[in-house]
Amino acid sequence: MSRVTLYMAMSLDGFITGPDDDAQNPAGVNGMRLMDWLGNVDSGGDNTGDNDRVDAYRPGAPNSQIVYDEAMATGAVITGKRTGDFAGYWGGDHHDGVPIFVPTHQASAENPYERVHYVTDGIESCVKQAKAAAGDRDILLHGAYTAQECLKAGVLDVIEIQLRPVLLGQGRLLFDGLPPKHVELELVRTLEAPGVLHLRYEVQHP
């Protein structure tokens, strides 16, 4: 069965960007160091969505390759609108030509990408559509706010954290908007690689 998996690089103090993140600097001040576990992060990121770009970002460490390859094997992408806007929707092709679903209250007036689909009737509907498109493959989730909405709706299945050994001190927190209600997780895999600890958690649904 298709599952929704959040992939997120995070500092030890819980930040997924540095401060002052915006469209011109999506990772915020010094936030790109969170992505140093990937290959070729300083190439400028042309957002073309082609296989050469995907291959260029593949990390060199074997354990990091496992996580990266799993992410690139997913059959659909769900991204928050803010994240998608900042990334230019990866030129309409995040990887392998899979569809991209964007939960939002209001769809963009113009959408030049045939694979990008705005979903305005709630996160559950967005996940349902992504699962239908992904078939038996999993779904890759991007965006802190969207991850929080998925957790609150009970539709997030796996959290894959790339924990980086740094304290950013300020920035955007991954779990900043959750209500005071416990979400139980089970740590099911730990992979060590140079400069990063990959932590895989299964969300325990009641």
N, C-alpha and C. Protein backbone atom coordinates (compact mmCIF):
# COMPACT_ATOMS: atom_id res chain seq x y z
N MET A 1 0.84 -1.19 0.00
CA MET A 1 0.00 0.00 0.00
C MET A 1 0.88 1.25 0.00
N SER A 2 0.51 2.22 -0.78
CA SER A 2 1.25 3.47 -0.88
C SER A 2 1.22 4.21 0.45
N ARG A 3 2.39 4.76 0.85
CA ARG A 3 2.48 5.49 2.10
C ARG A 3 3.07 6.88 1.86
N VAL A 4 2.69 7.81 2.73
CA VAL A 4 3.18 9.18 2.63
C VAL A 4 4.40 9.32 3.53
N THR A 5 5.54 9.72 2.92
CA THR A 5 6.80 9.82 3.65
C THR A 5 7.34 11.24 3.55
N LEU A 6 7.57 11.85 4.70
CA LEU A 6 8.21 13.16 4.76
C LEU A 6 9.72 12.97 4.77
N TYR A 7 10.42 13.62 3.84
CA TYR A 7 11.88 13.66 3.82
C TYR A 7 12.30 15.08 4.18
N MET A 8 13.11 15.20 5.24
CA MET A 8 13.46 16.54 5.69
C MET A 8 14.84 16.58 6.33
N ALA A 9 15.71 17.46 5.84
CA ALA A 9 16.99 17.72 6.49
C ALA A 9 16.77 18.72 7.62
N MET A 10 17.36 18.46 8.78
CA MET A 10 17.06 19.25 9.97
C MET A 10 18.30 19.39 10.84
N SER A 11 18.44 20.56 11.46
CA SER A 11 19.52 20.76 12.43
C SER A 11 19.16 20.07 13.74
N LEU A 12 20.15 19.92 14.60
CA LEU A 12 19.91 19.24 15.87
C LEU A 12 18.90 19.99 16.73
N ASP A 13 18.79 21.32 16.56
CA ASP A 13 17.81 22.08 17.34
C ASP A 13 16.48 22.24 16.59
N GLY A 14 16.25 21.45 15.56
CA GLY A 14 14.92 21.33 14.97
C GLY A 14 14.60 22.26 13.82
N PHE A 15 15.60 23.00 13.31
CA PHE A 15 15.33 23.95 12.23
C PHE A 15 15.56 23.32 10.87
N ILE A 16 14.69 23.65 9.92
CA ILE A 16 14.80 23.13 8.55
C ILE A 16 15.25 24.21 7.57
N THR A 17 15.33 25.45 8.03
CA THR A 17 15.96 26.54 7.28
C THR A 17 16.68 27.43 8.28
N GLY A 18 17.55 28.28 7.77
CA GLY A 18 18.08 29.34 8.58
C GLY A 18 17.07 30.48 8.64
N PRO A 19 17.39 31.58 9.36
CA PRO A 19 16.48 32.72 9.43
C PRO A 19 16.36 33.43 8.08
N ASP A 20 15.27 34.19 7.95
CA ASP A 20 15.04 35.06 6.79
C ASP A 20 14.93 34.28 5.48
N ASP A 21 14.28 33.13 5.51
CA ASP A 21 14.06 32.39 4.27
C ASP A 21 13.00 33.09 3.44
N ASP A 22 13.23 33.16 2.14
CA ASP A 22 12.27 33.76 1.21
C ASP A 22 12.52 33.19 -0.17
N ALA A 23 11.79 33.70 -1.17
CA ALA A 23 11.89 33.16 -2.52
C ALA A 23 13.29 33.30 -3.10
N GLN A 24 14.00 34.36 -2.71
CA GLN A 24 15.36 34.57 -3.22
C GLN A 24 16.38 33.69 -2.48
N ASN A 25 16.07 33.33 -1.26
CA ASN A 25 16.97 32.50 -0.46
C ASN A 25 16.13 31.48 0.32
N PRO A 26 15.64 30.43 -0.36
CA PRO A 26 14.68 29.50 0.25
C PRO A 26 15.21 28.80 1.49
N ALA A 27 16.50 28.60 1.60
CA ALA A 27 17.07 27.90 2.75
C ALA A 27 17.38 28.86 3.90
N GLY A 28 17.21 30.16 3.72
CA GLY A 28 17.52 31.12 4.75
C GLY A 28 19.02 31.30 4.91
N VAL A 29 19.38 32.13 5.88
CA VAL A 29 20.80 32.44 6.12
C VAL A 29 21.51 31.19 6.63
N ASN A 30 22.52 30.77 5.89
CA ASN A 30 23.33 29.59 6.21
C ASN A 30 22.53 28.28 6.24
N GLY A 31 21.32 28.30 5.70
CA GLY A 31 20.49 27.09 5.74
C GLY A 31 20.91 26.01 4.76
N MET A 32 21.63 26.39 3.72
CA MET A 32 22.03 25.38 2.73
C MET A 32 22.98 24.34 3.30
N ARG A 33 23.59 24.64 4.44
CA ARG A 33 24.49 23.64 5.02
C ARG A 33 23.71 22.40 5.46
N LEU A 34 22.40 22.53 5.64
CA LEU A 34 21.58 21.36 5.97
C LEU A 34 21.54 20.37 4.83
N MET A 35 21.81 20.84 3.61
CA MET A 35 21.74 19.98 2.43
C MET A 35 23.10 19.45 2.02
N ASP A 36 24.11 19.65 2.85
CA ASP A 36 25.46 19.22 2.48
C ASP A 36 25.60 17.71 2.39
N TRP A 37 24.63 16.96 2.86
CA TRP A 37 24.70 15.50 2.73
C TRP A 37 24.45 15.07 1.29
N LEU A 38 23.86 15.96 0.49
CA LEU A 38 23.61 15.67 -0.93
C LEU A 38 24.86 15.98 -1.75
N GLY A 39 24.88 15.49 -2.99
CA GLY A 39 25.93 15.84 -3.91
C GLY A 39 25.60 17.10 -4.67
N ASN A 40 26.59 17.86 -5.07
CA ASN A 40 26.44 18.95 -6.02
C ASN A 40 25.48 20.05 -5.57
N VAL A 41 25.42 20.31 -4.24
CA VAL A 41 24.47 21.31 -3.77
C VAL A 41 24.86 22.73 -4.15
N ASP A 42 26.08 22.94 -4.59
CA ASP A 42 26.52 24.29 -4.96
C ASP A 42 26.45 24.56 -6.46
N SER A 43 25.74 23.70 -7.19
CA SER A 43 25.70 23.86 -8.64
C SER A 43 24.74 24.94 -9.09
N GLY A 44 23.94 25.47 -8.17
CA GLY A 44 23.02 26.54 -8.55
C GLY A 44 21.60 26.06 -8.70
N GLY A 45 21.37 24.77 -8.91
CA GLY A 45 20.01 24.24 -8.96
C GLY A 45 19.20 24.82 -10.08
N ASP A 46 19.25 24.23 -11.26
CA ASP A 46 18.56 24.84 -12.40
C ASP A 46 17.09 24.47 -12.48
N ASN A 47 16.60 23.58 -11.58
CA ASN A 47 15.18 23.23 -11.54
C ASN A 47 14.66 22.72 -12.87
N THR A 48 15.49 22.09 -13.68
CA THR A 48 15.01 21.59 -14.96
C THR A 48 14.25 20.29 -14.83
N GLY A 49 14.46 19.58 -13.74
CA GLY A 49 13.72 18.35 -13.52
C GLY A 49 14.20 17.18 -14.34
N ASP A 50 15.35 17.29 -15.03
CA ASP A 50 15.80 16.19 -15.87
C ASP A 50 16.62 15.20 -15.06
N ASN A 51 16.90 14.04 -15.66
CA ASN A 51 17.60 12.98 -14.96
C ASN A 51 19.01 13.38 -14.59
N ASP A 52 19.66 14.22 -15.40
CA ASP A 52 21.01 14.66 -15.08
C ASP A 52 21.04 15.41 -13.76
N ARG A 53 20.04 16.26 -13.52
CA ARG A 53 19.98 17.02 -12.26
C ARG A 53 19.77 16.08 -11.09
N VAL A 54 18.85 15.13 -11.23
CA VAL A 54 18.58 14.18 -10.15
C VAL A 54 19.82 13.38 -9.84
N ASP A 55 20.52 12.92 -10.86
CA ASP A 55 21.74 12.15 -10.65
C ASP A 55 22.83 13.00 -10.00
N ALA A 56 22.88 14.28 -10.35
CA ALA A 56 23.92 15.15 -9.81
C ALA A 56 23.78 15.33 -8.30
N TYR A 57 22.56 15.31 -7.80
CA TYR A 57 22.33 15.51 -6.37
C TYR A 57 22.48 14.22 -5.57
N ARG A 58 22.68 13.09 -6.23
CA ARG A 58 22.81 11.82 -5.51
C ARG A 58 24.09 11.85 -4.67
N PRO A 59 23.97 11.60 -3.36
CA PRO A 59 25.16 11.68 -2.49
C PRO A 59 26.15 10.56 -2.76
N GLY A 60 27.36 10.74 -2.27
CA GLY A 60 28.40 9.75 -2.50
C GLY A 60 28.45 8.66 -1.45
N ALA A 61 28.01 8.96 -0.21
CA ALA A 61 28.07 7.98 0.87
C ALA A 61 27.01 6.90 0.66
N PRO A 62 27.36 5.63 0.78
CA PRO A 62 26.42 4.54 0.51
C PRO A 62 25.12 4.62 1.33
N ASN A 63 25.21 4.92 2.63
CA ASN A 63 23.99 4.98 3.43
C ASN A 63 23.10 6.16 3.03
N SER A 64 23.71 7.26 2.65
CA SER A 64 22.93 8.40 2.16
C SER A 64 22.31 8.08 0.80
N GLN A 65 22.99 7.30 0.00
CA GLN A 65 22.42 6.87 -1.29
C GLN A 65 21.16 6.05 -1.10
N ILE A 66 21.13 5.23 -0.06
CA ILE A 66 19.93 4.43 0.21
C ILE A 66 18.72 5.34 0.40
N VAL A 67 18.87 6.34 1.24
CA VAL A 67 17.77 7.27 1.53
C VAL A 67 17.39 8.06 0.28
N TYR A 68 18.38 8.57 -0.42
CA TYR A 68 18.12 9.36 -1.63
C TYR A 68 17.40 8.53 -2.69
N ASP A 69 17.88 7.31 -2.90
CA ASP A 69 17.27 6.46 -3.92
C ASP A 69 15.84 6.09 -3.57
N GLU A 70 15.56 5.90 -2.29
CA GLU A 70 14.18 5.64 -1.86
C GLU A 70 13.28 6.84 -2.18
N ALA A 71 13.78 8.04 -1.91
CA ALA A 71 13.00 9.24 -2.21
C ALA A 71 12.72 9.37 -3.70
N MET A 72 13.74 9.07 -4.51
CA MET A 72 13.58 9.20 -5.96
C MET A 72 12.80 8.04 -6.58
N ALA A 73 12.47 7.03 -5.79
CA ALA A 73 11.65 5.92 -6.29
C ALA A 73 10.16 6.13 -6.01
N THR A 74 9.81 7.23 -5.37
CA THR A 74 8.41 7.50 -5.05
C THR A 74 7.62 7.80 -6.32
N GLY A 75 6.31 7.55 -6.25
CA GLY A 75 5.47 7.66 -7.43
C GLY A 75 4.66 8.93 -7.53
N ALA A 76 4.77 9.81 -6.54
CA ALA A 76 4.09 11.11 -6.56
C ALA A 76 4.72 11.99 -5.50
N VAL A 77 4.52 13.29 -5.65
CA VAL A 77 5.04 14.27 -4.70
C VAL A 77 3.88 15.12 -4.19
N ILE A 78 3.86 15.35 -2.88
CA ILE A 78 2.98 16.36 -2.29
C ILE A 78 3.88 17.46 -1.74
N THR A 79 3.61 18.69 -2.12
CA THR A 79 4.40 19.81 -1.63
C THR A 79 3.50 20.93 -1.18
N GLY A 80 3.88 21.58 -0.10
CA GLY A 80 3.19 22.80 0.28
C GLY A 80 3.36 23.86 -0.80
N LYS A 81 2.42 24.77 -0.89
CA LYS A 81 2.47 25.78 -1.95
C LYS A 81 3.67 26.71 -1.77
N ARG A 82 3.97 27.06 -0.54
CA ARG A 82 5.13 27.94 -0.30
C ARG A 82 6.42 27.26 -0.75
N THR A 83 6.57 25.99 -0.38
CA THR A 83 7.75 25.24 -0.79
C THR A 83 7.80 25.11 -2.30
N GLY A 84 6.68 24.78 -2.91
CA GLY A 84 6.62 24.64 -4.36
C GLY A 84 6.93 25.94 -5.08
N ASP A 85 6.37 27.04 -4.57
CA ASP A 85 6.65 28.35 -5.17
C ASP A 85 8.13 28.68 -5.10
N PHE A 86 8.74 28.46 -3.93
CA PHE A 86 10.16 28.77 -3.76
C PHE A 86 11.02 27.93 -4.70
N ALA A 87 10.63 26.67 -4.92
CA ALA A 87 11.41 25.76 -5.76
C ALA A 87 11.06 25.86 -7.24
N GLY A 88 10.15 26.74 -7.58
CA GLY A 88 9.72 26.84 -8.97
C GLY A 88 9.09 25.55 -9.47
N TYR A 89 8.54 24.79 -8.51
CA TYR A 89 7.92 23.49 -8.83
C TYR A 89 8.85 22.59 -9.64
N TRP A 90 10.15 22.78 -9.37
CA TRP A 90 11.18 21.93 -9.97
C TRP A 90 11.02 21.86 -11.50
N GLY A 91 10.63 23.00 -12.06
CA GLY A 91 10.43 23.04 -13.51
C GLY A 91 9.32 22.12 -13.99
N GLY A 92 8.43 21.72 -13.08
CA GLY A 92 7.33 20.84 -13.43
C GLY A 92 7.67 19.36 -13.37
N ASP A 93 8.90 19.05 -12.96
CA ASP A 93 9.32 17.64 -12.89
C ASP A 93 10.26 17.47 -11.71
N HIS A 94 9.71 17.05 -10.58
CA HIS A 94 10.55 16.83 -9.40
C HIS A 94 11.52 15.69 -9.63
N HIS A 95 11.03 14.58 -10.14
CA HIS A 95 11.87 13.43 -10.52
C HIS A 95 11.03 12.45 -11.33
N ASP A 96 11.63 11.89 -12.33
CA ASP A 96 11.06 10.75 -13.06
C ASP A 96 9.68 11.03 -13.64
N GLY A 97 9.33 12.30 -13.81
CA GLY A 97 8.05 12.63 -14.42
C GLY A 97 6.83 12.34 -13.59
N VAL A 98 6.99 12.19 -12.25
CA VAL A 98 5.84 11.85 -11.41
C VAL A 98 4.99 13.10 -11.16
N PRO A 99 3.70 12.95 -10.90
CA PRO A 99 2.84 14.11 -10.66
C PRO A 99 3.13 14.77 -9.32
N ILE A 100 2.88 16.06 -9.26
CA ILE A 100 3.11 16.88 -8.07
C ILE A 100 1.76 17.44 -7.63
N PHE A 101 1.38 17.19 -6.38
CA PHE A 101 0.11 17.65 -5.84
C PHE A 101 0.36 18.73 -4.78
N VAL A 102 -0.43 19.81 -4.86
CA VAL A 102 -0.23 20.98 -4.01
C VAL A 102 -1.52 21.28 -3.26
N PRO A 103 -1.59 20.96 -1.95
CA PRO A 103 -2.77 21.34 -1.19
C PRO A 103 -2.75 22.84 -0.92
N THR A 104 -3.84 23.51 -1.23
CA THR A 104 -3.87 24.96 -1.09
C THR A 104 -5.31 25.43 -0.98
N HIS A 105 -5.50 26.58 -0.35
CA HIS A 105 -6.84 27.15 -0.28
C HIS A 105 -7.23 27.80 -1.60
N GLN A 106 -6.24 28.23 -2.36
CA GLN A 106 -6.52 28.90 -3.63
C GLN A 106 -5.45 28.52 -4.64
N ALA A 107 -5.88 27.96 -5.75
CA ALA A 107 -4.95 27.57 -6.81
C ALA A 107 -4.36 28.81 -7.47
N SER A 108 -3.14 28.66 -7.98
CA SER A 108 -2.51 29.76 -8.70
C SER A 108 -3.29 30.07 -9.97
N ALA A 109 -3.33 31.35 -10.33
CA ALA A 109 -4.08 31.76 -11.52
C ALA A 109 -3.50 31.15 -12.78
N GLU A 110 -2.19 30.97 -12.81
CA GLU A 110 -1.52 30.37 -13.97
C GLU A 110 -0.72 29.16 -13.53
N ASN A 111 -0.81 28.11 -14.30
CA ASN A 111 -0.05 26.90 -14.01
C ASN A 111 0.53 26.36 -15.31
N PRO A 112 1.81 26.61 -15.57
CA PRO A 112 2.41 26.19 -16.83
C PRO A 112 2.82 24.72 -16.86
N TYR A 113 2.62 24.00 -15.75
CA TYR A 113 3.14 22.65 -15.65
C TYR A 113 2.02 21.61 -15.63
N GLU A 114 2.03 20.73 -16.61
CA GLU A 114 0.96 19.74 -16.70
C GLU A 114 0.99 18.73 -15.57
N ARG A 115 2.16 18.53 -14.94
CA ARG A 115 2.25 17.54 -13.86
C ARG A 115 1.94 18.13 -12.49
N VAL A 116 1.75 19.44 -12.38
CA VAL A 116 1.46 20.09 -11.11
C VAL A 116 -0.05 20.25 -10.97
N HIS A 117 -0.60 19.71 -9.87
CA HIS A 117 -2.05 19.72 -9.65
C HIS A 117 -2.36 20.39 -8.31
N TYR A 118 -3.11 21.47 -8.35
CA TYR A 118 -3.53 22.14 -7.13
C TYR A 118 -4.80 21.48 -6.60
N VAL A 119 -4.82 21.22 -5.30
CA VAL A 119 -5.95 20.55 -4.66
C VAL A 119 -6.51 21.49 -3.60
N THR A 120 -7.76 21.91 -3.77
CA THR A 120 -8.34 22.94 -2.91
C THR A 120 -9.38 22.40 -1.93
N ASP A 121 -9.57 21.07 -1.91
CA ASP A 121 -10.62 20.53 -1.03
C ASP A 121 -10.05 19.72 0.14
N GLY A 122 -8.88 20.12 0.62
CA GLY A 122 -8.38 19.56 1.87
C GLY A 122 -7.22 18.59 1.70
N ILE A 123 -6.49 18.41 2.80
CA ILE A 123 -5.30 17.57 2.76
C ILE A 123 -5.64 16.10 2.55
N GLU A 124 -6.77 15.65 3.10
CA GLU A 124 -7.14 14.24 2.90
C GLU A 124 -7.39 13.96 1.43
N SER A 125 -8.07 14.88 0.74
CA SER A 125 -8.32 14.71 -0.69
C SER A 125 -7.01 14.73 -1.47
N CYS A 126 -6.10 15.60 -1.06
CA CYS A 126 -4.80 15.68 -1.74
C CYS A 126 -4.06 14.36 -1.63
N VAL A 127 -4.02 13.79 -0.42
CA VAL A 127 -3.34 12.52 -0.22
C VAL A 127 -4.03 11.41 -1.01
N LYS A 128 -5.35 11.42 -1.04
CA LYS A 128 -6.08 10.40 -1.79
C LYS A 128 -5.74 10.45 -3.28
N GLN A 129 -5.68 11.66 -3.82
CA GLN A 129 -5.35 11.80 -5.24
C GLN A 129 -3.90 11.39 -5.52
N ALA A 130 -3.00 11.75 -4.61
CA ALA A 130 -1.60 11.38 -4.79
C ALA A 130 -1.42 9.87 -4.73
N LYS A 131 -2.13 9.21 -3.82
CA LYS A 131 -2.04 7.76 -3.72
C LYS A 131 -2.58 7.08 -4.97
N ALA A 132 -3.66 7.61 -5.50
CA ALA A 132 -4.22 7.04 -6.73
C ALA A 132 -3.22 7.16 -7.87
N ALA A 133 -2.51 8.29 -7.92
CA ALA A 133 -1.53 8.49 -8.99
C ALA A 133 -0.27 7.65 -8.79
N ALA A 134 0.11 7.45 -7.52
CA ALA A 134 1.35 6.73 -7.23
C ALA A 134 1.23 5.23 -7.40
N GLY A 135 0.02 4.70 -7.36
CA GLY A 135 -0.16 3.26 -7.48
C GLY A 135 0.42 2.54 -6.28
N ASP A 136 1.31 1.60 -6.52
CA ASP A 136 1.91 0.85 -5.41
C ASP A 136 3.20 1.49 -4.90
N ARG A 137 3.55 2.68 -5.41
CA ARG A 137 4.74 3.37 -4.94
C ARG A 137 4.37 4.37 -3.85
N ASP A 138 5.35 4.74 -3.03
CA ASP A 138 5.10 5.68 -1.95
C ASP A 138 5.05 7.11 -2.47
N ILE A 139 4.70 8.03 -1.57
CA ILE A 139 4.56 9.45 -1.89
C ILE A 139 5.59 10.23 -1.10
N LEU A 140 6.30 11.12 -1.77
CA LEU A 140 7.29 11.98 -1.13
C LEU A 140 6.60 13.28 -0.73
N LEU A 141 6.79 13.67 0.53
CA LEU A 141 6.16 14.89 1.06
C LEU A 141 7.22 15.95 1.32
N HIS A 142 6.95 17.18 0.86
CA HIS A 142 7.80 18.34 1.12
C HIS A 142 7.00 19.39 1.88
N GLY A 143 7.66 20.12 2.78
CA GLY A 143 7.05 21.28 3.41
C GLY A 143 6.65 21.06 4.86
N ALA A 144 7.12 21.96 5.74
CA ALA A 144 6.85 21.80 7.17
C ALA A 144 5.37 21.97 7.49
N TYR A 145 4.75 23.02 6.99
CA TYR A 145 3.33 23.26 7.29
C TYR A 145 2.47 22.11 6.78
N THR A 146 2.76 21.64 5.57
CA THR A 146 1.99 20.55 5.00
C THR A 146 2.20 19.26 5.79
N ALA A 147 3.42 19.04 6.27
CA ALA A 147 3.68 17.88 7.12
C ALA A 147 2.87 17.96 8.40
N GLN A 148 2.79 19.14 8.99
CA GLN A 148 1.99 19.32 10.20
C GLN A 148 0.51 19.05 9.93
N GLU A 149 0.01 19.52 8.80
CA GLU A 149 -1.38 19.27 8.45
C GLU A 149 -1.63 17.78 8.24
N CYS A 150 -0.68 17.10 7.62
CA CYS A 150 -0.82 15.65 7.42
C CYS A 150 -0.82 14.91 8.76
N LEU A 151 0.05 15.33 9.68
CA LEU A 151 0.07 14.72 11.01
C LEU A 151 -1.26 14.92 11.72
N LYS A 152 -1.79 16.13 11.67
CA LYS A 152 -3.05 16.42 12.36
C LYS A 152 -4.21 15.64 11.75
N ALA A 153 -4.13 15.40 10.44
CA ALA A 153 -5.20 14.66 9.76
C ALA A 153 -5.00 13.15 9.83
N GLY A 154 -3.85 12.71 10.34
CA GLY A 154 -3.60 11.28 10.47
C GLY A 154 -3.26 10.61 9.16
N VAL A 155 -2.67 11.36 8.20
CA VAL A 155 -2.38 10.78 6.89
C VAL A 155 -0.88 10.74 6.59
N LEU A 156 -0.05 11.07 7.57
CA LEU A 156 1.41 10.94 7.40
C LEU A 156 1.86 9.62 8.01
N ASP A 157 2.58 8.84 7.23
CA ASP A 157 2.94 7.49 7.66
C ASP A 157 4.39 7.36 8.13
N VAL A 158 5.31 8.07 7.49
CA VAL A 158 6.73 7.90 7.77
C VAL A 158 7.39 9.28 7.80
N ILE A 159 8.32 9.46 8.75
CA ILE A 159 9.14 10.66 8.82
C ILE A 159 10.60 10.24 8.67
N GLU A 160 11.22 10.72 7.61
CA GLU A 160 12.62 10.41 7.32
C GLU A 160 13.43 11.70 7.54
N ILE A 161 14.18 11.74 8.64
CA ILE A 161 14.94 12.93 9.01
C ILE A 161 16.41 12.74 8.64
N GLN A 162 16.97 13.74 7.97
CA GLN A 162 18.41 13.78 7.75
C GLN A 162 18.98 14.76 8.78
N LEU A 163 19.41 14.23 9.91
CA LEU A 163 19.82 15.06 11.04
C LEU A 163 21.26 15.51 10.87
N ARG A 164 21.43 16.84 10.82
CA ARG A 164 22.76 17.41 10.60
C ARG A 164 23.35 17.92 11.91
N PRO A 165 24.64 17.73 12.13
CA PRO A 165 25.27 18.09 13.40
C PRO A 165 25.58 19.58 13.49
N VAL A 166 24.53 20.37 13.59
CA VAL A 166 24.70 21.81 13.70
C VAL A 166 23.51 22.37 14.49
N LEU A 167 23.74 23.45 15.22
CA LEU A 167 22.69 24.20 15.89
C LEU A 167 22.54 25.52 15.14
N LEU A 168 21.43 25.70 14.45
CA LEU A 168 21.22 26.94 13.70
C LEU A 168 20.75 28.09 14.59
N GLY A 169 20.05 27.77 15.67
CA GLY A 169 19.63 28.80 16.61
C GLY A 169 18.36 29.53 16.22
N GLN A 170 18.20 29.80 14.94
CA GLN A 170 17.01 30.49 14.43
C GLN A 170 16.65 29.90 13.08
N GLY A 171 15.43 30.16 12.66
CA GLY A 171 14.98 29.69 11.36
C GLY A 171 13.56 29.18 11.44
N ARG A 172 13.24 28.24 10.56
CA ARG A 172 11.89 27.67 10.51
C ARG A 172 11.93 26.28 11.13
N LEU A 173 11.10 26.06 12.14
CA LEU A 173 11.05 24.79 12.83
C LEU A 173 10.14 23.81 12.10
N LEU A 174 10.52 22.53 12.11
CA LEU A 174 9.72 21.52 11.43
C LEU A 174 8.38 21.29 12.12
N PHE A 175 8.37 21.24 13.45
CA PHE A 175 7.16 20.86 14.18
C PHE A 175 6.64 22.01 15.03
N ASP A 176 6.64 23.20 14.47
CA ASP A 176 6.30 24.39 15.25
C ASP A 176 4.80 24.59 15.44
N GLY A 177 3.98 24.02 14.56
CA GLY A 177 2.56 24.35 14.57
C GLY A 177 1.64 23.24 15.03
N LEU A 178 2.17 22.26 15.75
CA LEU A 178 1.34 21.14 16.18
C LEU A 178 0.55 21.48 17.44
N PRO A 179 -0.66 20.92 17.58
CA PRO A 179 -1.45 21.13 18.80
C PRO A 179 -0.85 20.34 19.96
N PRO A 180 -1.28 20.63 21.20
CA PRO A 180 -0.76 19.91 22.37
C PRO A 180 -1.35 18.51 22.48
N LYS A 181 -1.01 17.68 21.52
CA LYS A 181 -1.51 16.31 21.48
C LYS A 181 -0.35 15.41 21.07
N HIS A 182 -0.13 14.34 21.81
CA HIS A 182 1.01 13.48 21.53
C HIS A 182 0.83 12.73 20.21
N VAL A 183 1.90 12.68 19.44
CA VAL A 183 1.97 11.84 18.25
C VAL A 183 3.09 10.82 18.51
N GLU A 184 2.72 9.57 18.61
CA GLU A 184 3.70 8.54 18.93
C GLU A 184 4.44 8.10 17.66
N LEU A 185 5.76 7.96 17.77
CA LEU A 185 6.60 7.53 16.65
C LEU A 185 7.40 6.31 17.08
N GLU A 186 7.74 5.49 16.10
CA GLU A 186 8.64 4.36 16.35
C GLU A 186 9.86 4.49 15.46
N LEU A 187 11.04 4.53 16.08
CA LEU A 187 12.28 4.59 15.32
C LEU A 187 12.55 3.20 14.74
N VAL A 188 12.52 3.11 13.40
CA VAL A 188 12.64 1.80 12.75
C VAL A 188 13.95 1.63 11.99
N ARG A 189 14.70 2.73 11.80
CA ARG A 189 15.97 2.60 11.09
C ARG A 189 16.88 3.77 11.43
N THR A 190 18.16 3.46 11.61
CA THR A 190 19.19 4.48 11.81
C THR A 190 20.34 4.18 10.87
N LEU A 191 20.69 5.15 10.03
CA LEU A 191 21.80 5.00 9.10
C LEU A 191 22.78 6.15 9.32
N GLU A 192 24.03 5.81 9.55
CA GLU A 192 25.06 6.83 9.73
C GLU A 192 25.82 7.04 8.43
N ALA A 193 26.12 8.31 8.15
CA ALA A 193 26.94 8.67 7.00
C ALA A 193 27.75 9.91 7.40
N PRO A 194 28.80 10.24 6.67
CA PRO A 194 29.61 11.42 7.02
C PRO A 194 28.75 12.68 7.10
N GLY A 195 28.72 13.30 8.26
CA GLY A 195 28.02 14.57 8.43
C GLY A 195 26.52 14.49 8.54
N VAL A 196 25.95 13.29 8.64
CA VAL A 196 24.49 13.19 8.71
C VAL A 196 24.09 11.87 9.35
N LEU A 197 23.00 11.93 10.11
CA LEU A 197 22.40 10.74 10.69
C LEU A 197 20.99 10.62 10.13
N HIS A 198 20.72 9.53 9.42
CA HIS A 198 19.40 9.32 8.81
C HIS A 198 18.52 8.55 9.79
N LEU A 199 17.42 9.16 10.18
CA LEU A 199 16.51 8.58 11.15
C LEU A 199 15.15 8.35 10.50
N ARG A 200 14.67 7.13 10.54
CA ARG A 200 13.39 6.80 9.93
C ARG A 200 12.39 6.42 11.03
N TYR A 201 11.29 7.15 11.08
CA TYR A 201 10.26 6.94 12.09
C TYR A 201 8.95 6.52 11.41
N GLU A 202 8.30 5.55 11.98
CA GLU A 202 6.95 5.19 11.58
C GLU A 202 5.98 5.94 12.50
N VAL A 203 5.01 6.63 11.92
CA VAL A 203 3.99 7.30 12.70
C VAL A 203 2.99 6.26 13.19
N GLN A 204 2.74 6.26 14.50
CA GLN A 204 1.84 5.29 15.09
C GLN A 204 0.41 5.85 15.07
N HIS A 205 -0.39 5.34 14.16
CA HIS A 205 -1.76 5.82 14.08
C HIS A 205 -2.63 5.11 15.11
N PRO A 206 -3.51 5.85 15.80
CA PRO A 206 -4.36 5.21 16.81
C PRO A 206 -5.33 4.21 16.19
